[in-house]
Protein backbone atom coordinates (compact mmCIF):
# COMPACT_ATOMS: atom_id res chain seq x y z
CA MET A 1 13.02 -6.61 -13.91
CA ALA A 2 12.24 -6.89 -10.37
CA LEU A 3 13.00 -4.12 -8.66
CA SER A 4 14.77 -5.71 -5.46
CA ARG A 5 17.01 -7.24 -7.98
CA LEU A 6 17.69 -4.47 -9.42
CA ASP A 7 18.12 -2.93 -6.09
CA LEU A 8 20.70 -5.35 -5.85
CA GLN A 9 22.47 -4.80 -9.01
CA LEU A 10 22.81 -1.22 -9.00
CA ARG A 11 24.23 -0.53 -5.21
CA SER A 12 26.92 -3.39 -6.34
CA VAL A 13 27.90 -0.69 -8.49
CA LEU A 14 28.63 1.56 -5.08
CA PRO A 15 31.14 1.38 -2.55
CA GLU A 16 30.71 -1.10 0.17
CA ALA A 17 29.96 1.89 2.88
CA LEU A 18 27.68 3.59 0.87
CA ARG A 19 25.77 0.41 -0.58
CA ALA A 20 23.90 -0.70 2.57
CA HIS A 21 22.61 2.83 3.73
CA VAL A 22 20.33 3.16 0.63
CA ARG A 23 17.45 1.61 -1.39
CA LEU A 24 15.95 1.42 -4.92
CA ALA A 25 12.82 3.51 -4.91
CA ASP A 26 11.49 3.09 -8.29
CA VAL A 27 12.24 3.56 -11.85
CA ARG A 28 9.88 5.68 -13.79
CA ALA A 29 10.24 7.64 -16.61
CA LEU A 30 14.19 6.82 -16.92
CA ARG A 31 14.45 7.89 -13.14
CA LEU A 32 16.17 6.17 -10.80
CA VAL A 33 14.64 7.14 -7.35
CA PHE A 34 16.93 5.78 -4.48
CA LEU A 35 15.97 6.71 -1.02
CA ALA A 36 19.01 7.73 1.61
CA PRO A 37 18.70 7.64 5.23
CA THR A 38 20.20 11.08 5.87
CA PRO A 39 21.17 14.21 3.89
CA ALA A 40 24.51 13.08 3.83
CA VAL A 41 24.24 10.13 2.67
CA ALA A 42 21.98 11.47 -0.30
CA SER A 43 25.37 13.10 -1.25
CA ARG A 44 27.27 11.11 -1.42
CA LEU A 45 25.07 8.93 -3.63
CA ARG A 46 24.66 11.76 -5.98
CA LEU A 47 28.27 12.09 -6.28
CA HIS A 48 28.06 8.26 -7.83
CA HIS A 49 25.25 9.30 -10.23
CA ALA A 50 27.36 8.28 -13.63
CA GLU A 51 27.82 4.68 -12.01
CA LEU A 52 24.54 4.41 -11.70
CA LEU A 53 23.16 5.71 -14.57
CA ALA A 54 25.90 3.12 -16.58
CA ALA A 55 24.88 0.42 -14.81
CA ALA A 56 21.37 1.08 -15.68
CA GLY A 57 21.46 1.09 -18.80
CA ALA A 58 23.51 -1.92 -19.04
CA LEU A 59 20.78 -4.17 -17.67
CA CYS A 60 18.14 -2.98 -19.87
CA GLU A 61 16.79 -0.12 -17.75
CA PRO A 62 18.18 2.92 -19.23
CA GLY A 63 17.99 5.88 -16.72
CA THR A 64 18.73 9.43 -17.66
CA GLU A 65 18.01 11.30 -14.37
CA LEU A 66 19.13 9.77 -10.53
CA ILE A 67 16.69 11.11 -8.03
CA VAL A 68 17.51 10.85 -4.69
CA LYS A 69 15.16 11.28 -1.40
CA VAL A 70 16.01 11.74 2.28
CA VAL A 71 13.36 9.25 3.74
CA PRO A 72 14.28 7.67 7.38
CA PHE A 73 14.46 3.97 7.48
CA PRO A 74 12.70 2.00 9.91
CA GLU A 75 14.88 0.39 12.59
CA ASP A 76 16.12 -3.01 12.09
CA ARG A 77 14.08 -5.41 13.32
CA SER A 78 16.12 -8.36 13.02
CA SER A 79 16.55 -8.89 16.96
CA PRO A 80 13.96 -9.21 19.59
CA PRO A 81 12.94 -5.86 21.54
CA GLY A 82 13.91 -5.35 24.53
CA LYS A 83 10.93 -6.40 27.31
CA LYS A 84 9.07 -3.60 28.25
CA HIS A 85 8.16 -2.39 31.87
CA LEU A 86 4.51 -2.27 33.20
CA PRO A 87 3.80 0.55 34.86
CA ASP A 88 2.95 -0.19 39.02
CA ALA A 89 -0.86 1.55 38.72
CA ALA A 90 -1.48 -1.07 35.41
CA ALA A 91 -0.08 -4.15 37.73
CA LYS A 92 -2.60 -2.95 40.75
CA HIS A 93 -5.25 -2.71 38.28
CA LEU A 94 -4.65 -6.53 37.13
CA ARG A 95 -4.01 -7.76 40.72
CA ASN A 96 -7.59 -5.70 41.86
CA ALA A 97 -9.10 -7.42 38.55
CA ALA A 98 -7.70 -10.98 39.51
CA GLN A 99 -9.43 -10.81 42.53
CA SER A 100 -12.36 -10.28 41.45
CA LEU A 101 -12.40 -13.02 39.25
CA SER A 102 -14.40 -16.77 39.81
CA ASP A 103 -11.74 -18.80 36.97
CA HIS A 104 -8.73 -19.45 38.97
CA GLU A 105 -6.39 -20.16 35.79
CA LEU A 106 -7.41 -16.29 34.67
CA ARG A 107 -6.89 -15.18 38.20
CA ALA A 108 -3.10 -16.41 38.08
CA LEU A 109 -2.46 -15.53 34.64
CA PHE A 110 -3.47 -11.59 35.43
CA LEU A 111 -1.75 -11.89 38.71
CA GLU A 112 1.57 -13.43 36.45
CA LEU A 113 1.03 -10.59 34.06
CA ALA A 114 0.96 -7.77 37.06
CA SER A 115 4.30 -9.21 38.70
CA GLN A 116 5.75 -8.04 35.48
CA ALA A 117 5.75 -4.84 36.99
CA GLY A 118 9.03 -3.43 38.91
CA ASP A 119 6.99 -3.09 42.53
CA ASP A 120 5.15 -6.74 43.38
CA ASN A 121 4.52 -5.08 47.31
CA GLY A 122 0.41 -5.11 46.38
CA ALA A 123 0.78 -8.72 45.21
CA ALA A 124 -1.71 -11.14 46.66
């Protein structure tokens, strides 16, 4: 059975508040290995070991032990990252470099990028 599908099926036996915070990482040698982002979530998950092992057995993935590892989950990337600030020193270097360029299109691109800094006092 695919790990992602088994993960969804096993997490479905957990309370909804806990379900979204844990992930099945592996099934090896009759051990279900789950990941939790904090020790508190890991402890709450361990309280449901009997339900998880029973569900795994019903899904033809028999398990005799539940292992929970605490691993910080990566940040949610569904929302676009905020606009990053360009340091004034970098903008100054871009403006200086733009002045030395003979290609007008490339010069305009450098100056546009330099304008992303908070202080545009040195813009040409």
